[in-house]
Protein backbone atom coordinates (compact mmCIF):
# COMPACT_ATOMS: atom_id res chain seq x y z
CA MET A 1 20.75 45.06 -101.21
CA ALA A 2 16.83 43.87 -101.75
CA GLY A 3 14.62 46.32 -101.07
CA THR A 4 12.11 44.58 -99.67
CA ARG A 5 12.00 43.32 -95.78
CA PRO A 6 12.55 40.02 -95.58
CA THR A 7 10.40 38.23 -93.52
CA ARG A 8 13.57 35.27 -92.66
CA GLY A 9 17.25 35.22 -92.36
CA ALA A 10 18.28 31.75 -94.24
CA THR A 11 17.60 32.16 -97.64
CA LEU A 12 18.18 28.10 -97.60
CA ASN A 13 16.31 25.14 -95.80
CA ALA A 14 18.64 22.15 -96.59
CA VAL A 15 19.32 19.43 -94.50
CA SER A 16 22.86 18.77 -92.97
CA SER A 17 24.80 15.98 -94.91
CA ARG A 18 27.01 16.56 -92.03
CA PHE A 19 25.32 13.29 -89.74
CA ALA A 20 24.60 11.26 -92.94
CA LEU A 21 20.97 11.64 -92.96
CA PRO A 22 19.10 10.88 -96.44
CA ALA A 23 19.07 13.32 -99.06
CA THR A 24 15.67 13.70 -101.49
CA GLU A 25 15.58 15.57 -104.38
CA PRO A 26 12.23 17.19 -105.32
CA ASP A 27 10.60 16.37 -108.51
CA GLY A 28 11.06 18.91 -111.24
CA ASP A 29 7.68 18.08 -113.19
CA TRP A 30 5.61 18.39 -110.13
CA LEU A 31 7.21 21.44 -108.68
CA ASP A 32 6.55 22.98 -112.23
CA ALA A 33 2.68 22.44 -111.84
CA ARG A 34 2.25 22.58 -107.68
CA GLU A 35 0.61 25.70 -107.86
CA GLN A 36 -1.87 24.52 -109.92
CA ILE A 37 -2.79 21.10 -107.84
CA ASP A 38 -2.01 22.39 -104.40
CA GLY A 39 -2.72 26.33 -104.91
CA ALA A 40 0.20 28.87 -103.69
CA ALA A 41 2.36 27.35 -101.01
CA PRO A 42 1.62 28.96 -97.28
CA PRO A 43 3.27 31.08 -95.77
CA LEU A 44 5.81 29.64 -93.42
CA ARG A 45 4.50 29.82 -89.68
CA THR A 46 6.89 29.32 -86.26
CA SER A 47 5.97 26.28 -84.54
CA VAL A 48 7.18 25.59 -80.57
CA THR A 49 7.40 21.48 -79.05
CA VAL A 50 7.97 20.91 -76.14
CA GLU A 51 11.14 19.62 -74.98
CA THR A 52 12.03 18.05 -71.94
CA PRO A 53 16.06 17.40 -70.99
CA ARG A 54 16.81 15.59 -67.71
CA THR A 55 19.31 18.62 -67.09
CA ILE A 56 19.57 22.21 -67.69
CA ILE A 57 22.84 23.30 -66.57
CA ASN A 58 25.32 23.17 -69.08
CA ARG A 59 28.90 22.84 -68.22
CA VAL A 60 30.83 24.77 -70.81
CA GLY A 61 35.32 23.73 -70.92
CA SER A 62 35.96 26.16 -73.50
CA PRO A 63 39.15 28.14 -72.58
CA ASP A 64 38.43 30.97 -74.47
CA ILE A 65 34.86 31.50 -72.85
CA PRO A 66 34.63 33.32 -69.69
CA PHE A 67 32.16 31.14 -68.06
CA ASP A 68 31.92 27.89 -67.49
CA ARG A 69 27.55 27.31 -67.42
CA SER A 70 25.02 28.23 -69.03
CA ILE A 71 21.33 27.70 -69.25
CA ASN A 72 19.41 27.45 -72.84
CA PRO A 73 15.56 27.72 -72.51
CA TYR A 74 15.09 27.67 -76.25
CA ARG A 75 16.36 25.72 -79.23
CA GLY A 76 16.53 27.82 -82.48
CA CYS A 77 15.80 31.41 -82.02
CA GLU A 78 13.12 33.16 -84.21
CA HIS A 79 15.32 36.57 -84.79
CA GLY A 80 16.68 34.77 -88.05
CA CYS A 81 20.29 36.07 -87.44
CA ILE A 82 22.14 34.93 -90.68
CA TYR A 83 25.35 34.74 -88.90
CA CYS A 84 24.27 32.95 -85.88
CA PHE A 85 26.63 29.98 -85.07
CA ALA A 86 24.08 27.83 -83.07
CA ARG A 87 22.15 27.20 -86.39
CA PRO A 88 23.95 23.69 -86.98
CA THR A 89 22.87 22.39 -83.82
CA HIS A 90 19.30 21.91 -85.40
CA ALA A 91 21.61 19.43 -87.49
CA PHE A 92 21.50 17.48 -84.64
CA LEU A 93 17.86 17.03 -84.55
CA ASP A 94 17.50 16.05 -88.26
CA LEU A 95 16.49 19.49 -89.23
CA SER A 96 17.66 22.37 -91.09
CA PRO A 97 19.98 25.11 -89.68
CA GLY A 98 18.29 27.17 -92.55
CA LEU A 99 14.84 27.89 -92.09
CA ASP A 100 14.24 25.38 -90.00
CA PHE A 101 16.35 26.79 -87.07
CA GLU A 102 14.07 29.98 -87.11
CA SER A 103 10.76 28.29 -87.49
CA LYS A 104 10.72 24.86 -85.69
CA LEU A 105 11.54 25.72 -82.03
CA PHE A 106 11.73 24.08 -78.88
CA ALA A 107 10.94 25.32 -75.43
CA LYS A 108 11.70 23.74 -72.44
CA PRO A 109 8.93 24.83 -70.05
CA GLY A 110 10.54 22.28 -67.14
CA ALA A 111 13.83 24.74 -67.25
CA ALA A 112 13.04 26.29 -63.70
CA ALA A 113 12.07 23.01 -61.88
CA LEU A 114 15.24 21.04 -63.33
CA LEU A 115 17.51 24.53 -61.78
CA ARG A 116 15.88 24.00 -58.56
CA THR A 117 17.17 20.35 -58.59
CA GLU A 118 20.06 20.72 -59.30
CA LEU A 119 21.34 24.13 -57.59
CA ALA A 120 20.31 21.75 -54.23
CA LYS A 121 22.68 19.21 -54.98
CA PRO A 122 25.13 18.75 -52.43
CA GLY A 123 28.54 20.22 -53.03
CA TYR A 124 27.07 23.02 -55.52
CA ALA A 125 29.41 26.17 -56.02
CA ALA A 126 27.89 28.73 -57.49
CA ARG A 127 29.62 30.61 -60.40
CA PRO A 128 28.09 33.46 -62.97
CA MET A 129 24.75 31.57 -64.92
CA ALA A 130 25.27 32.37 -68.58
CA LEU A 131 21.75 33.15 -70.43
CA GLY A 132 21.41 33.48 -74.12
CA THR A 133 25.11 32.22 -75.24
CA ASN A 134 23.28 30.08 -77.90
CA THR A 135 19.76 31.05 -78.74
CA ASP A 136 18.46 34.34 -77.26
CA PRO A 137 16.77 33.78 -73.89
CA TYR A 138 14.63 37.01 -74.64
CA GLN A 139 13.12 35.68 -78.50
CA PRO A 140 9.52 36.77 -79.64
CA ILE A 141 8.32 32.80 -77.97
CA GLU A 142 9.33 34.28 -74.42
CA ALA A 143 6.65 36.70 -74.63
CA GLU A 144 4.27 33.75 -73.97
CA TRP A 145 6.01 31.27 -72.67
CA ARG A 146 8.24 32.97 -69.67
CA ILE A 147 10.69 30.41 -69.28
CA THR A 148 13.57 32.97 -68.84
CA ARG A 149 11.73 34.62 -66.32
CA GLN A 150 10.93 31.75 -64.37
CA VAL A 151 14.70 30.89 -64.40
CA LEU A 152 15.48 34.23 -63.36
CA GLU A 153 13.19 33.74 -60.23
CA VAL A 154 15.00 30.56 -59.10
CA LEU A 155 18.50 32.41 -59.74
CA SER A 156 16.95 35.06 -57.52
CA ALA A 157 15.46 33.58 -54.68
CA CYS A 158 18.81 31.58 -54.40
CA ASP A 159 20.88 35.08 -54.73
CA HIS A 160 23.09 33.36 -57.44
CA PRO A 161 24.50 35.41 -60.33
CA VAL A 162 23.83 35.72 -63.31
CA THR A 163 24.42 37.06 -66.83
CA ILE A 164 22.33 37.61 -69.89
CA THR A 165 22.89 38.07 -73.43
CA THR A 166 20.33 39.45 -75.93
CA LYS A 167 19.13 41.17 -78.97
CA SER A 168 16.13 42.11 -77.36
CA ASP A 169 14.42 44.80 -75.69
CA ARG A 170 12.29 42.93 -73.69
CA VAL A 171 14.68 41.92 -71.18
CA VAL A 172 13.20 45.31 -69.47
CA ARG A 173 10.53 43.35 -68.81
CA ASP A 174 12.39 41.61 -65.96
CA LEU A 175 13.64 44.91 -64.54
CA ASP A 176 11.83 43.94 -61.32
CA ILE A 177 14.16 40.91 -60.84
CA LEU A 178 17.28 42.29 -62.48
CA ALA A 179 17.41 45.45 -60.61
CA PRO A 180 17.67 44.06 -56.99
CA MET A 181 19.42 41.14 -57.98
CA ALA A 182 22.42 44.08 -59.25
CA ALA A 183 22.03 46.23 -56.18
CA LYS A 184 23.65 42.97 -54.44
CA GLY A 185 26.24 42.80 -57.28
CA LEU A 186 24.44 39.65 -59.02
CA ALA A 187 23.74 40.61 -62.74
CA VAL A 188 24.57 42.16 -65.66
CA VAL A 189 23.02 42.49 -69.00
CA CYS A 190 24.77 42.86 -72.07
CA LEU A 191 22.50 43.96 -75.39
CA SER A 192 23.91 42.87 -78.71
CA VAL A 193 23.74 46.00 -81.20
CA THR A 194 25.13 44.88 -84.83
CA SER A 195 24.49 47.89 -86.98
CA LEU A 196 22.29 51.47 -86.48
CA ASP A 197 21.25 50.83 -90.22
CA PRO A 198 17.66 49.91 -90.10
CA LYS A 199 17.75 48.36 -93.58
CA ILE A 200 21.37 46.45 -92.81
CA ALA A 201 19.32 45.48 -89.59
CA MET A 202 16.33 44.29 -90.72
CA THR A 203 18.34 42.24 -93.73
CA VAL A 204 20.82 40.66 -91.07
CA GLU A 205 18.54 40.26 -88.28
CA PRO A 206 14.73 40.34 -89.73
CA ARG A 207 12.78 39.44 -86.35
CA ALA A 208 15.09 41.08 -83.55
CA PRO A 209 13.79 44.67 -82.50
CA ALA A 210 15.55 47.81 -83.84
CA PRO A 211 18.44 48.98 -82.99
CA GLU A 212 17.13 52.03 -81.57
CA ARG A 213 14.81 49.75 -79.24
CA ARG A 214 17.33 48.23 -78.40
CA LEU A 215 19.92 51.13 -77.08
CA THR A 216 16.56 52.43 -75.40
CA ALA A 217 16.81 48.84 -73.35
CA VAL A 218 20.11 49.83 -72.44
CA ARG A 219 19.53 53.32 -71.11
CA ARG A 220 16.73 51.68 -68.95
CA LEU A 221 19.14 49.17 -67.55
CA ALA A 222 21.25 51.61 -66.76
CA ASP A 223 18.84 53.91 -65.44
CA ALA A 224 17.71 50.97 -63.22
CA GLY A 225 21.02 50.44 -61.91
CA VAL A 226 21.81 47.06 -63.81
CA PRO A 227 25.58 46.73 -64.91
CA VAL A 228 24.38 46.88 -69.02
CA TYR A 229 27.28 46.25 -71.97
CA VAL A 230 27.43 46.84 -75.55
CA SER A 231 28.11 43.75 -77.79
CA ILE A 232 29.45 44.32 -81.27
CA ALA A 233 29.15 40.99 -82.68
CA PRO A 234 29.49 40.08 -84.61
CA ILE A 235 31.31 42.57 -87.23
CA ILE A 236 30.77 41.50 -90.92
CA PRO A 237 33.49 43.46 -93.57
CA ALA A 238 32.22 45.56 -95.68
CA ILE A 239 28.58 45.70 -94.22
CA THR A 240 29.08 46.67 -90.82
CA ASP A 241 32.58 47.58 -89.83
CA HIS A 242 32.44 51.49 -90.70
CA GLU A 243 29.85 51.35 -87.91
CA LEU A 244 32.38 50.49 -85.43
CA GLU A 245 32.97 53.96 -83.60
CA HIS A 246 29.22 55.27 -84.27
CA LEU A 247 28.42 52.18 -82.47
CA ILE A 248 30.60 52.38 -79.53
CA GLU A 249 29.95 56.45 -79.26
CA ARG A 250 26.31 55.72 -79.19
CA ALA A 251 26.93 52.77 -76.59
CA ALA A 252 28.10 55.34 -74.30
CA GLU A 253 25.73 57.81 -74.47
CA ALA A 254 23.02 55.11 -73.79
CA GLY A 255 25.02 54.16 -70.40
CA ALA A 256 26.97 50.86 -71.31
CA ARG A 257 30.25 50.51 -69.01
CA GLY A 258 32.00 48.41 -71.77
CA CYS A 259 31.93 46.84 -75.18
CA PHE A 260 33.19 44.29 -76.73
CA PHE A 261 33.37 42.75 -80.37
CA ILE A 262 33.94 39.81 -82.35
CA PRO A 263 34.33 39.37 -85.93
CA VAL A 264 31.94 37.40 -87.99
CA ARG A 265 32.17 33.14 -87.52
CA LEU A 266 30.83 30.90 -90.29
CA PRO A 267 31.21 27.70 -88.45
CA TRP A 268 29.93 24.43 -90.63
CA GLU A 269 26.75 24.84 -92.25
CA VAL A 270 26.69 28.54 -91.25
CA ALA A 271 28.90 29.42 -94.21
CA PRO A 272 27.37 27.87 -97.06
CA LEU A 273 23.80 30.10 -95.45
CA PHE A 274 25.79 32.87 -95.22
CA ARG A 275 27.14 32.95 -98.84
CA ALA A 276 23.62 32.37 -100.07
CA TRP A 277 22.39 35.27 -98.14
CA LEU A 278 25.44 37.46 -99.64
CA ASP A 279 24.47 36.55 -102.95
CA GLU A 280 20.86 37.37 -102.72
CA HIS A 281 21.20 40.79 -100.21
CA PHE A 282 24.83 42.21 -101.21
CA PRO A 283 25.63 40.71 -104.65
CA ASP A 284 27.66 43.69 -105.46
CA ARG A 285 30.11 42.94 -102.69
CA ALA A 286 29.78 39.35 -101.92
CA GLY A 287 33.37 38.19 -103.06
CA LYS A 288 35.03 41.34 -100.92
CA VAL A 289 33.47 40.01 -97.64
CA MET A 290 34.05 36.70 -98.26
CA SER A 291 37.80 37.60 -99.24
CA ILE A 292 37.86 39.47 -95.62
CA ILE A 293 36.44 37.17 -94.03
CA GLN A 294 38.79 34.43 -95.01
CA SER A 295 41.94 36.80 -94.54
CA LEU A 296 40.46 37.06 -90.87
CA ARG A 297 40.55 33.33 -90.75
CA GLY A 298 43.93 32.23 -91.87
CA GLY A 299 42.26 31.59 -95.43
CA ARG A 300 39.46 29.35 -94.55
CA ASP A 301 35.37 30.44 -94.29
CA ASN A 302 35.64 29.53 -90.23
CA ASP A 303 38.74 28.98 -87.53
CA PRO A 304 37.59 27.31 -85.14
CA ASP A 305 40.88 27.08 -83.05
CA PHE A 306 40.17 28.29 -79.35
CA GLY A 307 41.76 32.13 -78.85
CA THR A 308 41.77 33.05 -82.54
CA ARG A 309 38.53 32.59 -83.42
CA MET A 310 37.00 34.94 -81.24
CA ARG A 311 39.77 37.58 -82.26
CA GLY A 312 40.40 36.80 -85.51
CA GLN A 313 43.98 36.99 -87.04
CA GLY A 314 46.22 39.04 -89.45
CA PRO A 315 46.32 42.94 -90.42
CA TRP A 316 42.46 43.20 -90.47
CA ALA A 317 42.26 41.52 -87.24
CA ASP A 318 44.79 43.92 -85.91
CA LEU A 319 42.99 47.23 -87.32
CA LEU A 320 39.79 46.14 -85.71
CA ARG A 321 41.73 45.93 -82.56
CA THR A 322 42.82 49.18 -82.94
CA ARG A 323 40.13 50.99 -83.70
CA PHE A 324 38.05 49.63 -81.03
CA GLN A 325 40.23 50.01 -78.27
CA ARG A 326 40.55 53.45 -79.28
CA ALA A 327 36.54 54.56 -79.63
CA CYS A 328 36.40 53.25 -76.06
CA ARG A 329 39.25 55.40 -74.64
CA LYS A 330 37.67 57.89 -76.31
CA HIS A 331 34.42 57.44 -74.52
CA GLY A 332 35.87 56.25 -71.54
CA LEU A 333 34.53 52.43 -71.52
CA ASN A 334 35.93 48.92 -70.03
CA SER A 335 37.60 51.09 -67.56
CA GLU A 336 36.83 48.73 -64.84
CA ARG A 337 36.29 44.87 -64.99
CA LEU A 338 33.06 43.77 -63.22
CA GLN A 339 33.19 40.55 -60.72
CA LEU A 340 29.64 39.29 -60.08
CA ARG A 341 29.11 37.81 -56.34
CA ASN A 342 29.21 34.10 -55.93
CA ASP A 343 29.67 34.40 -52.14
CA LEU A 344 25.37 35.18 -51.23
CA PHE A 345 24.29 31.81 -52.79
CA ARG A 346 21.92 30.03 -50.97
CA ALA A 347 20.82 26.54 -51.70
CA PRO A 348 17.28 25.88 -52.26
CA PRO A 349 16.00 23.58 -50.00
CA GLY A 350 13.68 21.58 -52.71
CA PRO A 351 10.62 22.46 -54.69
CA GLN A 352 8.44 22.17 -52.02
CA GLY A 353 10.68 24.35 -49.32
CA GLU A 354 10.02 27.57 -47.90
CA LEU A 355 12.33 29.37 -50.07
CA PHE A 356 9.78 28.61 -53.32
CA ALA A 357 6.75 28.74 -50.94
């Protein structure tokens, strides 16, 4: 593993060829003299572009996902997790799923207003709204843009149930909203902790908060009465899998009610990015990692089939499940199934209504 701290996750920034975008090749002769002509390249900076969608609630029809609607306040994610299955969405914007995904971000400041409009539609039936299912709602730019908080304010005012998945301890900033919602049975939070090893964590997830900060957030949420779970997702063979039992133990100590795990998934452009990252940071075991992943995925880099895509298949997947279940039983996790309430929902009267005055 490289000894210096990475500042970004991906080592490549190629534009996807999946949609027949025009390809360009840099002029090698010019590159040889680039620094003499233009000077050293400036450091990669994060940019944020305002996006103005017409709707904000995404309807989800996947049979192996436990929610049917979600909100994504942002496109792209500065955390830079190399394995992120959302990276290919940047290809839809003619941008690279590599470094562009981590540095060219899109924010939706009109999300709360759109949400009020959609919740006020006749016939709307409340079900848990999932935040953080694509990109992290508490990534660094949320500190300035506060779009996730605005969305939570709307959901809270309507007594609408919500689930949050994040890698950031920034979620505790919104305890003033989440704790009262949780007391009504309307909120649950899931913190993702992939590794407890600081060196591995900063390589796999270079701009996400340190693992210990996330576990501290688990404790703070639990102490405030917010049901909290820990996601060990993804498990990367030969890199993080040996930590499974210890992660479950630490989650229980922090007050989590349960855990779940997902073996690493490498859809579309994620697979070549992940392979290049392995070659850069773990050249001593790159072949072994990919061999185990392929054994989990039916001989392929990725298995897109509903059902098996989240669980994996074969002896390695069976062993992971056995280890996971035994550790959870040992620490008393996953003993109950949490159900959020849908019956308290009150439709907003509109953006000028007294509910939002």
